[in-house]
Amino acid sequence: VKGRFTISRDNTKNMVNLQMNSLKPED
């Protein structure tokens, strides 16, 4: 997933996000 997915975090909200781009069937 390197180069396609990006993980980010908001510590104040105890949240994590995963932005998934260029998705493939194997995902």
mmCIF file of all heavy atoms, coordinates in Angstrom:
data_MODEL
# 
_entry.id   MODEL 
# 
loop_
_atom_site.group_PDB 
_atom_site.id 
_atom_site.type_symbol 
_atom_site.label_atom_id 
_atom_site.label_alt_id 
_atom_site.label_comp_id 
_atom_site.label_asym_id 
_atom_site.label_entity_id 
_atom_site.label_seq_id 
_atom_site.pdbx_PDB_ins_code 
_atom_site.Cartn_x 
_atom_site.Cartn_y 
_atom_site.Cartn_z 
_atom_site.occupancy 
_atom_site.B_iso_or_equiv 
_atom_site.pdbx_formal_charge 
_atom_site.auth_seq_id 
_atom_site.auth_comp_id 
_atom_site.auth_asym_id 
_atom_site.auth_atom_id 
_atom_site.pdbx_PDB_model_num 
ATOM 1   N N   . VAL A 1 1  ? 0.808   -1.218 0.000  1.00 0.00 ? 1  VAL A N   1 
ATOM 2   C CA  . VAL A 1 1  ? 0.000   0.000  0.000  1.00 0.00 ? 1  VAL A CA  1 
ATOM 3   C C   . VAL A 1 1  ? 0.840   1.268  0.000  1.00 0.00 ? 1  VAL A C   1 
ATOM 4   O O   . VAL A 1 1  ? 0.281   2.372  -0.094 1.00 0.00 ? 1  VAL A O   1 
ATOM 5   C CB  . VAL A 1 1  ? -0.990  0.037  1.181  1.00 0.00 ? 1  VAL A CB  1 
ATOM 6   C CG1 . VAL A 1 1  ? -1.835  -1.224 1.216  1.00 0.00 ? 1  VAL A CG1 1 
ATOM 7   C CG2 . VAL A 1 1  ? -0.252  0.232  2.499  1.00 0.00 ? 1  VAL A CG2 1 
ATOM 8   N N   . LYS A 1 2  ? 2.142   1.146  0.091  1.00 0.00 ? 2  LYS A N   1 
ATOM 9   C CA  . LYS A 1 2  ? 3.006   2.324  0.101  1.00 0.00 ? 2  LYS A CA  1 
ATOM 10  C C   . LYS A 1 2  ? 2.825   3.145  -1.173 1.00 0.00 ? 2  LYS A C   1 
ATOM 11  O O   . LYS A 1 2  ? 2.781   2.608  -2.273 1.00 0.00 ? 2  LYS A O   1 
ATOM 12  C CB  . LYS A 1 2  ? 4.469   1.915  0.246  1.00 0.00 ? 2  LYS A CB  1 
ATOM 13  C CG  . LYS A 1 2  ? 4.845   1.451  1.634  1.00 0.00 ? 2  LYS A CG  1 
ATOM 14  C CD  . LYS A 1 2  ? 6.322   1.085  1.713  1.00 0.00 ? 2  LYS A CD  1 
ATOM 15  C CE  . LYS A 1 2  ? 6.707   0.648  3.111  1.00 0.00 ? 2  LYS A CE  1 
ATOM 16  N NZ  . LYS A 1 2  ? 8.130   0.245  3.189  1.00 0.00 ? 2  LYS A NZ  1 
ATOM 17  N N   . GLY A 1 3  ? 2.713   4.440  -0.997 1.00 0.00 ? 3  GLY A N   1 
ATOM 18  C CA  . GLY A 1 3  ? 2.504   5.333  -2.121 1.00 0.00 ? 3  GLY A CA  1 
ATOM 19  C C   . GLY A 1 3  ? 1.060   5.516  -2.507 1.00 0.00 ? 3  GLY A C   1 
ATOM 20  O O   . GLY A 1 3  ? 0.738   6.421  -3.287 1.00 0.00 ? 3  GLY A O   1 
ATOM 21  N N   . ARG A 1 4  ? 0.178   4.676  -1.993 1.00 0.00 ? 4  ARG A N   1 
ATOM 22  C CA  . ARG A 1 4  ? -1.240  4.764  -2.314 1.00 0.00 ? 4  ARG A CA  1 
ATOM 23  C C   . ARG A 1 4  ? -2.092  5.124  -1.100 1.00 0.00 ? 4  ARG A C   1 
ATOM 24  O O   . ARG A 1 4  ? -3.078  5.843  -1.217 1.00 0.00 ? 4  ARG A O   1 
ATOM 25  C CB  . ARG A 1 4  ? -1.744  3.445  -2.902 1.00 0.00 ? 4  ARG A CB  1 
ATOM 26  C CG  . ARG A 1 4  ? -1.041  3.039  -4.190 1.00 0.00 ? 4  ARG A CG  1 
ATOM 27  C CD  . ARG A 1 4  ? -1.713  1.826  -4.827 1.00 0.00 ? 4  ARG A CD  1 
ATOM 28  N NE  . ARG A 1 4  ? -1.651  0.645  -3.961 1.00 0.00 ? 4  ARG A NE  1 
ATOM 29  C CZ  . ARG A 1 4  ? -2.724  0.007  -3.489 1.00 0.00 ? 4  ARG A CZ  1 
ATOM 30  N NH1 . ARG A 1 4  ? -3.940  0.430  -3.793 1.00 0.00 ? 4  ARG A NH1 1 
ATOM 31  N NH2 . ARG A 1 4  ? -2.570  -1.073 -2.724 1.00 0.00 ? 4  ARG A NH2 1 
ATOM 32  N N   . PHE A 1 5  ? -1.714  4.606  0.067  1.00 0.00 ? 5  PHE A N   1 
ATOM 33  C CA  . PHE A 1 5  ? -2.463  4.850  1.296  1.00 0.00 ? 5  PHE A CA  1 
ATOM 34  C C   . PHE A 1 5  ? -1.696  5.814  2.188  1.00 0.00 ? 5  PHE A C   1 
ATOM 35  O O   . PHE A 1 5  ? -0.460  5.792  2.236  1.00 0.00 ? 5  PHE A O   1 
ATOM 36  C CB  . PHE A 1 5  ? -2.684  3.556  2.075  1.00 0.00 ? 5  PHE A CB  1 
ATOM 37  C CG  . PHE A 1 5  ? -3.615  2.563  1.425  1.00 0.00 ? 5  PHE A CG  1 
ATOM 38  C CD1 . PHE A 1 5  ? -4.070  2.727  0.130  1.00 0.00 ? 5  PHE A CD1 1 
ATOM 39  C CD2 . PHE A 1 5  ? -4.030  1.448  2.143  1.00 0.00 ? 5  PHE A CD2 1 
ATOM 40  C CE1 . PHE A 1 5  ? -4.921  1.808  -0.459 1.00 0.00 ? 5  PHE A CE1 1 
ATOM 41  C CE2 . PHE A 1 5  ? -4.881  0.516  1.568  1.00 0.00 ? 5  PHE A CE2 1 
ATOM 42  C CZ  . PHE A 1 5  ? -5.328  0.697  0.271  1.00 0.00 ? 5  PHE A CZ  1 
ATOM 43  N N   . THR A 1 6  ? -2.426  6.635  2.925  1.00 0.00 ? 6  THR A N   1 
ATOM 44  C CA  . THR A 1 6  ? -1.828  7.551  3.884  1.00 0.00 ? 6  THR A CA  1 
ATOM 45  C C   . THR A 1 6  ? -2.589  7.477  5.198  1.00 0.00 ? 6  THR A C   1 
ATOM 46  O O   . THR A 1 6  ? -3.805  7.660  5.224  1.00 0.00 ? 6  THR A O   1 
ATOM 47  C CB  . THR A 1 6  ? -1.846  9.004  3.374  1.00 0.00 ? 6  THR A CB  1 
ATOM 48  O OG1 . THR A 1 6  ? -1.147  9.091  2.130  1.00 0.00 ? 6  THR A OG1 1 
ATOM 49  C CG2 . THR A 1 6  ? -1.165  9.925  4.388  1.00 0.00 ? 6  THR A CG2 1 
ATOM 50  N N   . ILE A 1 7  ? -1.874  7.201  6.273  1.00 0.00 ? 7  ILE A N   1 
ATOM 51  C CA  . ILE A 1 7  ? -2.490  7.165  7.587  1.00 0.00 ? 7  ILE A CA  1 
ATOM 52  C C   . ILE A 1 7  ? -2.185  8.472  8.310  1.00 0.00 ? 7  ILE A C   1 
ATOM 53  O O   . ILE A 1 7  ? -1.082  9.009  8.216  1.00 0.00 ? 7  ILE A O   1 
ATOM 54  C CB  . ILE A 1 7  ? -2.012  5.944  8.401  1.00 0.00 ? 7  ILE A CB  1 
ATOM 55  C CG1 . ILE A 1 7  ? -2.842  5.786  9.679  1.00 0.00 ? 7  ILE A CG1 1 
ATOM 56  C CG2 . ILE A 1 7  ? -0.521  6.027  8.709  1.00 0.00 ? 7  ILE A CG2 1 
ATOM 57  C CD1 . ILE A 1 7  ? -2.613  4.455  10.388 1.00 0.00 ? 7  ILE A CD1 1 
ATOM 58  N N   . SER A 1 8  ? -3.165  8.995  9.012  1.00 0.00 ? 8  SER A N   1 
ATOM 59  C CA  . SER A 1 8  ? -3.005  10.220 9.771  1.00 0.00 ? 8  SER A CA  1 
ATOM 60  C C   . SER A 1 8  ? -3.748  10.101 11.087 1.00 0.00 ? 8  SER A C   1 
ATOM 61  O O   . SER A 1 8  ? -4.592  9.215  11.267 1.00 0.00 ? 8  SER A O   1 
ATOM 62  C CB  . SER A 1 8  ? -3.490  11.434 8.973  1.00 0.00 ? 8  SER A CB  1 
ATOM 63  O OG  . SER A 1 8  ? -4.865  11.315 8.656  1.00 0.00 ? 8  SER A OG  1 
ATOM 64  N N   . ARG A 1 9  ? -3.444  11.012 11.989 1.00 0.00 ? 9  ARG A N   1 
ATOM 65  C CA  . ARG A 1 9  ? -3.994  10.899 13.331 1.00 0.00 ? 9  ARG A CA  1 
ATOM 66  C C   . ARG A 1 9  ? -4.282  12.268 13.931 1.00 0.00 ? 9  ARG A C   1 
ATOM 67  O O   . ARG A 1 9  ? -3.542  13.225 13.715 1.00 0.00 ? 9  ARG A O   1 
ATOM 68  C CB  . ARG A 1 9  ? -2.994  10.127 14.206 1.00 0.00 ? 9  ARG A CB  1 
ATOM 69  C CG  . ARG A 1 9  ? -3.381  9.943  15.645 1.00 0.00 ? 9  ARG A CG  1 
ATOM 70  C CD  . ARG A 1 9  ? -2.421  8.969  16.312 1.00 0.00 ? 9  ARG A CD  1 
ATOM 71  N NE  . ARG A 1 9  ? -2.673  8.865  17.741 1.00 0.00 ? 9  ARG A NE  1 
ATOM 72  C CZ  . ARG A 1 9  ? -2.111  7.981  18.549 1.00 0.00 ? 9  ARG A CZ  1 
ATOM 73  N NH1 . ARG A 1 9  ? -1.248  7.097  18.050 1.00 0.00 ? 9  ARG A NH1 1 
ATOM 74  N NH2 . ARG A 1 9  ? -2.398  7.971  19.836 1.00 0.00 ? 9  ARG A NH2 1 
ATOM 75  N N   . ASP A 1 10 ? -5.359  12.334 14.690 1.00 0.00 ? 10 ASP A N   1 
ATOM 76  C CA  . ASP A 1 10 ? -5.709  13.523 15.453 1.00 0.00 ? 10 ASP A CA  1 
ATOM 77  C C   . ASP A 1 10 ? -5.734  13.105 16.916 1.00 0.00 ? 10 ASP A C   1 
ATOM 78  O O   . ASP A 1 10 ? -6.713  12.528 17.392 1.00 0.00 ? 10 ASP A O   1 
ATOM 79  C CB  . ASP A 1 10 ? -7.058  14.089 15.022 1.00 0.00 ? 10 ASP A CB  1 
ATOM 80  C CG  . ASP A 1 10 ? -7.403  15.389 15.717 1.00 0.00 ? 10 ASP A CG  1 
ATOM 81  O OD1 . ASP A 1 10 ? -6.788  15.716 16.744 1.00 0.00 ? 10 ASP A OD1 1 
ATOM 82  O OD2 . ASP A 1 10 ? -8.311  16.094 15.228 1.00 0.00 ? 10 ASP A OD2 1 
ATOM 83  N N   . ASN A 1 11 ? -4.663  13.386 17.635 1.00 0.00 ? 11 ASN A N   1 
ATOM 84  C CA  . ASN A 1 11 ? -4.546  12.941 19.022 1.00 0.00 ? 11 ASN A CA  1 
ATOM 85  C C   . ASN A 1 11 ? -5.585  13.575 19.943 1.00 0.00 ? 11 ASN A C   1 
ATOM 86  O O   . ASN A 1 11 ? -6.011  12.953 20.915 1.00 0.00 ? 11 ASN A O   1 
ATOM 87  C CB  . ASN A 1 11 ? -3.141  13.228 19.556 1.00 0.00 ? 11 ASN A CB  1 
ATOM 88  C CG  . ASN A 1 11 ? -2.077  12.391 18.901 1.00 0.00 ? 11 ASN A CG  1 
ATOM 89  O OD1 . ASN A 1 11 ? -2.341  11.283 18.428 1.00 0.00 ? 11 ASN A OD1 1 
ATOM 90  N ND2 . ASN A 1 11 ? -0.850  12.900 18.877 1.00 0.00 ? 11 ASN A ND2 1 
ATOM 91  N N   . THR A 1 12 ? -5.976  14.805 19.652 1.00 0.00 ? 12 THR A N   1 
ATOM 92  C CA  . THR A 1 12 ? -6.948  15.480 20.505 1.00 0.00 ? 12 THR A CA  1 
ATOM 93  C C   . THR A 1 12 ? -8.321  14.835 20.430 1.00 0.00 ? 12 THR A C   1 
ATOM 94  O O   . THR A 1 12 ? -9.124  14.980 21.347 1.00 0.00 ? 12 THR A O   1 
ATOM 95  C CB  . THR A 1 12 ? -7.063  16.967 20.143 1.00 0.00 ? 12 THR A CB  1 
ATOM 96  O OG1 . THR A 1 12 ? -7.568  17.112 18.816 1.00 0.00 ? 12 THR A OG1 1 
ATOM 97  C CG2 . THR A 1 12 ? -5.708  17.640 20.236 1.00 0.00 ? 12 THR A CG2 1 
ATOM 98  N N   . LYS A 1 13 ? -8.590  14.128 19.341 1.00 0.00 ? 13 LYS A N   1 
ATOM 99  C CA  . LYS A 1 13 ? -9.879  13.469 19.159 1.00 0.00 ? 13 LYS A CA  1 
ATOM 100 C C   . LYS A 1 13 ? -9.782  11.950 19.255 1.00 0.00 ? 13 LYS A C   1 
ATOM 101 O O   . LYS A 1 13 ? -10.789 11.263 19.066 1.00 0.00 ? 13 LYS A O   1 
ATOM 102 C CB  . LYS A 1 13 ? -10.480 13.855 17.808 1.00 0.00 ? 13 LYS A CB  1 
ATOM 103 C CG  . LYS A 1 13 ? -10.780 15.339 17.655 1.00 0.00 ? 13 LYS A CG  1 
ATOM 104 C CD  . LYS A 1 13 ? -11.389 15.635 16.289 1.00 0.00 ? 13 LYS A CD  1 
ATOM 105 C CE  . LYS A 1 13 ? -11.712 17.109 16.138 1.00 0.00 ? 13 LYS A CE  1 
ATOM 106 N NZ  . LYS A 1 13 ? -12.298 17.405 14.800 1.00 0.00 ? 13 LYS A NZ  1 
ATOM 107 N N   . ASN A 1 14 ? -8.589  11.437 19.533 1.00 0.00 ? 14 ASN A N   1 
ATOM 108 C CA  . ASN A 1 14 ? -8.363  9.996  19.571 1.00 0.00 ? 14 ASN A CA  1 
ATOM 109 C C   . ASN A 1 14 ? -8.844  9.331  18.293 1.00 0.00 ? 14 ASN A C   1 
ATOM 110 O O   . ASN A 1 14 ? -9.498  8.284  18.324 1.00 0.00 ? 14 ASN A O   1 
ATOM 111 C CB  . ASN A 1 14 ? -9.044  9.373  20.790 1.00 0.00 ? 14 ASN A CB  1 
ATOM 112 C CG  . ASN A 1 14 ? -8.400  9.796  22.086 1.00 0.00 ? 14 ASN A CG  1 
ATOM 113 O OD1 . ASN A 1 14 ? -7.174  9.843  22.193 1.00 0.00 ? 14 ASN A OD1 1 
ATOM 114 N ND2 . ASN A 1 14 ? -9.216  10.100 23.091 1.00 0.00 ? 14 ASN A ND2 1 
ATOM 115 N N   . MET A 1 15 ? -8.509  9.940  17.170 1.00 0.00 ? 15 MET A N   1 
ATOM 116 C CA  . MET A 1 15 ? -8.957  9.450  15.873 1.00 0.00 ? 15 MET A CA  1 
ATOM 117 C C   . MET A 1 15 ? -7.789  9.126  14.958 1.00 0.00 ? 15 MET A C   1 
ATOM 118 O O   . MET A 1 15 ? -6.722  9.731  15.049 1.00 0.00 ? 15 MET A O   1 
ATOM 119 C CB  . MET A 1 15 ? -9.848  10.482 15.182 1.00 0.00 ? 15 MET A CB  1 
ATOM 120 C CG  . MET A 1 15 ? -11.203 10.690 15.801 1.00 0.00 ? 15 MET A CG  1 
ATOM 121 S SD  . MET A 1 15 ? -12.213 11.847 14.838 1.00 0.00 ? 15 MET A SD  1 
ATOM 122 C CE  . MET A 1 15 ? -12.351 10.946 13.283 1.00 0.00 ? 15 MET A CE  1 
ATOM 123 N N   . VAL A 1 16 ? -8.026  8.197  14.067 1.00 0.00 ? 16 VAL A N   1 
ATOM 124 C CA  . VAL A 1 16 ? -7.073  7.860  13.028 1.00 0.00 ? 16 VAL A CA  1 
ATOM 125 C C   . VAL A 1 16 ? -7.835  7.734  11.717 1.00 0.00 ? 16 VAL A C   1 
ATOM 126 O O   . VAL A 1 16 ? -8.975  7.266  11.694 1.00 0.00 ? 16 VAL A O   1 
ATOM 127 C CB  . VAL A 1 16 ? -6.303  6.562  13.356 1.00 0.00 ? 16 VAL A CB  1 
ATOM 128 C CG1 . VAL A 1 16 ? -7.240  5.363  13.403 1.00 0.00 ? 16 VAL A CG1 1 
ATOM 129 C CG2 . VAL A 1 16 ? -5.178  6.331  12.360 1.00 0.00 ? 16 VAL A CG2 1 
ATOM 130 N N   . ASN A 1 17 ? -7.203  8.178  10.633 1.00 0.00 ? 17 ASN A N   1 
ATOM 131 C CA  . ASN A 1 17 ? -7.806  8.101  9.308  1.00 0.00 ? 17 ASN A CA  1 
ATOM 132 C C   . ASN A 1 17 ? -6.884  7.350  8.361  1.00 0.00 ? 17 ASN A C   1 
ATOM 133 O O   . ASN A 1 17 ? -5.663  7.380  8.509  1.00 0.00 ? 17 ASN A O   1 
ATOM 134 C CB  . ASN A 1 17 ? -8.079  9.494  8.752  1.00 0.00 ? 17 ASN A CB  1 
ATOM 135 C CG  . ASN A 1 17 ? -9.059  10.284 9.589  1.00 0.00 ? 17 ASN A CG  1 
ATOM 136 O OD1 . ASN A 1 17 ? -10.208 9.883  9.764  1.00 0.00 ? 17 ASN A OD1 1 
ATOM 137 N ND2 . ASN A 1 17 ? -8.619  11.414 10.118 1.00 0.00 ? 17 ASN A ND2 1 
ATOM 138 N N   . LEU A 1 18 ? -7.478  6.705  7.399  1.00 0.00 ? 18 LEU A N   1 
ATOM 139 C CA  . LEU A 1 18 ? -6.719  6.029  6.357  1.00 0.00 ? 18 LEU A CA  1 
ATOM 140 C C   . LEU A 1 18 ? -7.266  6.477  5.014  1.00 0.00 ? 18 LEU A C   1 
ATOM 141 O O   . LEU A 1 18 ? -8.380  6.106  4.640  1.00 0.00 ? 18 LEU A O   1 
ATOM 142 C CB  . LEU A 1 18 ? -6.823  4.506  6.496  1.00 0.00 ? 18 LEU A CB  1 
ATOM 143 C CG  . LEU A 1 18 ? -5.978  3.697  5.518  1.00 0.00 ? 18 LEU A CG  1 
ATOM 144 C CD1 . LEU A 1 18 ? -4.484  3.882  5.829  1.00 0.00 ? 18 LEU A CD1 1 
ATOM 145 C CD2 . LEU A 1 18 ? -6.349  2.225  5.563  1.00 0.00 ? 18 LEU A CD2 1 
ATOM 146 N N   . GLN A 1 19 ? -6.487  7.295  4.318  1.00 0.00 ? 19 GLN A N   1 
ATOM 147 C CA  . GLN A 1 19 ? -6.855  7.741  2.986  1.00 0.00 ? 19 GLN A CA  1 
ATOM 148 C C   . GLN A 1 19 ? -6.322  6.734  1.979  1.00 0.00 ? 19 GLN A C   1 
ATOM 149 O O   . GLN A 1 19 ? -5.112  6.523  1.894  1.00 0.00 ? 19 GLN A O   1 
ATOM 150 C CB  . GLN A 1 19 ? -6.289  9.128  2.697  1.00 0.00 ? 19 GLN A CB  1 
ATOM 151 C CG  . GLN A 1 19 ? -6.611  9.670  1.310  1.00 0.00 ? 19 GLN A CG  1 
ATOM 152 C CD  . GLN A 1 19 ? -8.089  9.910  1.105  1.00 0.00 ? 19 GLN A CD  1 
ATOM 153 O OE1 . GLN A 1 19 ? -8.755  10.474 1.964  1.00 0.00 ? 19 GLN A OE1 1 
ATOM 154 N NE2 . GLN A 1 19 ? -8.615  9.461  -0.036 1.00 0.00 ? 19 GLN A NE2 1 
ATOM 155 N N   . MET A 1 20 ? -7.212  6.118  1.227  1.00 0.00 ? 20 MET A N   1 
ATOM 156 C CA  . MET A 1 20 ? -6.850  5.077  0.283  1.00 0.00 ? 20 MET A CA  1 
ATOM 157 C C   . MET A 1 20 ? -7.097  5.579  -1.132 1.00 0.00 ? 20 MET A C   1 
ATOM 158 O O   . MET A 1 20 ? -8.237  5.854  -1.508 1.00 0.00 ? 20 MET A O   1 
ATOM 159 C CB  . MET A 1 20 ? -7.648  3.798  0.549  1.00 0.00 ? 20 MET A CB  1 
ATOM 160 C CG  . MET A 1 20 ? -7.496  3.278  1.978  1.00 0.00 ? 20 MET A CG  1 
ATOM 161 S SD  . MET A 1 20 ? -8.322  1.690  2.250  1.00 0.00 ? 20 MET A SD  1 
ATOM 162 C CE  . MET A 1 20 ? -10.036 2.190  2.066  1.00 0.00 ? 20 MET A CE  1 
ATOM 163 N N   . ASN A 1 21 ? -6.032  5.695  -1.899 1.00 0.00 ? 21 ASN A N   1 
ATOM 164 C CA  . ASN A 1 21 ? -6.107  6.142  -3.285 1.00 0.00 ? 21 ASN A CA  1 
ATOM 165 C C   . ASN A 1 21 ? -5.630  5.039  -4.218 1.00 0.00 ? 21 ASN A C   1 
ATOM 166 O O   . ASN A 1 21 ? -4.970  4.092  -3.805 1.00 0.00 ? 21 ASN A O   1 
ATOM 167 C CB  . ASN A 1 21 ? -5.258  7.401  -3.494 1.00 0.00 ? 21 ASN A CB  1 
ATOM 168 C CG  . ASN A 1 21 ? -5.712  8.578  -2.672 1.00 0.00 ? 21 ASN A CG  1 
ATOM 169 O OD1 . ASN A 1 21 ? -6.900  8.772  -2.441 1.00 0.00 ? 21 ASN A OD1 1 
ATOM 170 N ND2 . ASN A 1 21 ? -4.750  9.392  -2.222 1.00 0.00 ? 21 ASN A ND2 1 
ATOM 171 N N   . SER A 1 22 ? -5.960  5.188  -5.483 1.00 0.00 ? 22 SER A N   1 
ATOM 172 C CA  . SER A 1 22 ? -5.562  4.220  -6.509 1.00 0.00 ? 22 SER A CA  1 
ATOM 173 C C   . SER A 1 22 ? -5.888  2.797  -6.083 1.00 0.00 ? 22 SER A C   1 
ATOM 174 O O   . SER A 1 22 ? -5.058  1.889  -6.172 1.00 0.00 ? 22 SER A O   1 
ATOM 175 C CB  . SER A 1 22 ? -4.064  4.361  -6.810 1.00 0.00 ? 22 SER A CB  1 
ATOM 176 O OG  . SER A 1 22 ? -3.748  5.660  -7.254 1.00 0.00 ? 22 SER A OG  1 
ATOM 177 N N   . LEU A 1 23 ? -7.100  2.606  -5.641 1.00 0.00 ? 23 LEU A N   1 
ATOM 178 C CA  . LEU A 1 23 ? -7.502  1.312  -5.103 1.00 0.00 ? 23 LEU A CA  1 
ATOM 179 C C   . LEU A 1 23 ? -7.501  0.223  -6.170 1.00 0.00 ? 23 LEU A C   1 
ATOM 180 O O   . LEU A 1 23 ? -7.841  0.459  -7.330 1.00 0.00 ? 23 LEU A O   1 
ATOM 181 C CB  . LEU A 1 23 ? -8.875  1.415  -4.454 1.00 0.00 ? 23 LEU A CB  1 
ATOM 182 C CG  . LEU A 1 23 ? -8.875  2.103  -3.085 1.00 0.00 ? 23 LEU A CG  1 
ATOM 183 C CD1 . LEU A 1 23 ? -10.276 2.556  -2.705 1.00 0.00 ? 23 LEU A CD1 1 
ATOM 184 C CD2 . LEU A 1 23 ? -8.316  1.151  -2.027 1.00 0.00 ? 23 LEU A CD2 1 
ATOM 185 N N   . LYS A 1 24 ? -7.117  -0.968 -5.745 1.00 0.00 ? 24 LYS A N   1 
ATOM 186 C CA  . LYS A 1 24 ? -7.041  -2.136 -6.601 1.00 0.00 ? 24 LYS A CA  1 
ATOM 187 C C   . LYS A 1 24 ? -7.984  -3.216 -6.086 1.00 0.00 ? 24 LYS A C   1 
ATOM 188 O O   . LYS A 1 24 ? -8.308  -3.242 -4.899 1.00 0.00 ? 24 LYS A O   1 
ATOM 189 C CB  . LYS A 1 24 ? -5.608  -2.685 -6.623 1.00 0.00 ? 24 LYS A CB  1 
ATOM 190 C CG  . LYS A 1 24 ? -4.547  -1.684 -7.024 1.00 0.00 ? 24 LYS A CG  1 
ATOM 191 C CD  . LYS A 1 24 ? -3.159  -2.287 -6.886 1.00 0.00 ? 24 LYS A CD  1 
ATOM 192 C CE  . LYS A 1 24 ? -2.082  -1.299 -7.272 1.00 0.00 ? 24 LYS A CE  1 
ATOM 193 N NZ  . LYS A 1 24 ? -0.716  -1.888 -7.122 1.00 0.00 ? 24 LYS A NZ  1 
ATOM 194 N N   . PRO A 1 25 ? -8.414  -4.138 -6.959 1.00 0.00 ? 25 PRO A N   1 
ATOM 195 C CA  . PRO A 1 25 ? -9.276  -5.227 -6.496 1.00 0.00 ? 25 PRO A CA  1 
ATOM 196 C C   . PRO A 1 25 ? -8.676  -6.017 -5.336 1.00 0.00 ? 25 PRO A C   1 
ATOM 197 O O   . PRO A 1 25 ? -9.419  -6.479 -4.460 1.00 0.00 ? 25 PRO A O   1 
ATOM 198 C CB  . PRO A 1 25 ? -9.439  -6.102 -7.746 1.00 0.00 ? 25 PRO A CB  1 
ATOM 199 C CG  . PRO A 1 25 ? -9.325  -5.143 -8.870 1.00 0.00 ? 25 PRO A CG  1 
ATOM 200 C CD  . PRO A 1 25 ? -8.271  -4.148 -8.431 1.00 0.00 ? 25 PRO A CD  1 
ATOM 201 N N   . GLU A 1 26 ? -7.365  -6.160 -5.315 1.00 0.00 ? 26 GLU A N   1 
ATOM 202 C CA  . GLU A 1 26 ? -6.719  -6.900 -4.243 1.00 0.00 ? 26 GLU A CA  1 
ATOM 203 C C   . GLU A 1 26 ? -6.751  -6.180 -2.897 1.00 0.00 ? 26 GLU A C   1 
ATOM 204 O O   . GLU A 1 26 ? -6.361  -6.749 -1.875 1.00 0.00 ? 26 GLU A O   1 
ATOM 205 C CB  . GLU A 1 26 ? -5.268  -7.262 -4.606 1.00 0.00 ? 26 GLU A CB  1 
ATOM 206 C CG  . GLU A 1 26 ? -4.455  -6.088 -5.120 1.00 0.00 ? 26 GLU A CG  1 
ATOM 207 C CD  . GLU A 1 26 ? -4.403  -6.034 -6.640 1.00 0.00 ? 26 GLU A CD  1 
ATOM 208 O OE1 . GLU A 1 26 ? -5.452  -6.211 -7.285 1.00 0.00 ? 26 GLU A OE1 1 
ATOM 209 O OE2 . GLU A 1 26 ? -3.300  -5.826 -7.192 1.00 0.00 ? 26 GLU A OE2 1 
ATOM 210 N N   . ASP A 1 27 ? -7.201  -4.930 -2.887 1.00 0.00 ? 27 ASP A N   1 
ATOM 211 C CA  . ASP A 1 27 ? -7.397  -4.215 -1.631 1.00 0.00 ? 27 ASP A CA  1 
ATOM 212 C C   . ASP A 1 27 ? -8.706  -4.602 -0.961 1.00 0.00 ? 27 ASP A C   1 
ATOM 213 O O   . ASP A 1 27 ? -8.963  -4.190 0.176  1.00 0.00 ? 27 ASP A O   1 
ATOM 214 C CB  . ASP A 1 27 ? -7.376  -2.700 -1.853 1.00 0.00 ? 27 ASP A CB  1 
ATOM 215 C CG  . ASP A 1 27 ? -6.023  -2.181 -2.305 1.00 0.00 ? 27 ASP A CG  1 
ATOM 216 O OD1 . ASP A 1 27 ? -4.996  -2.645 -1.753 1.00 0.00 ? 27 ASP A OD1 1 
ATOM 217 O OD2 . ASP A 1 27 ? -5.984  -1.325 -3.193 1.00 0.00 ? 27 ASP A OD2 1 
# 
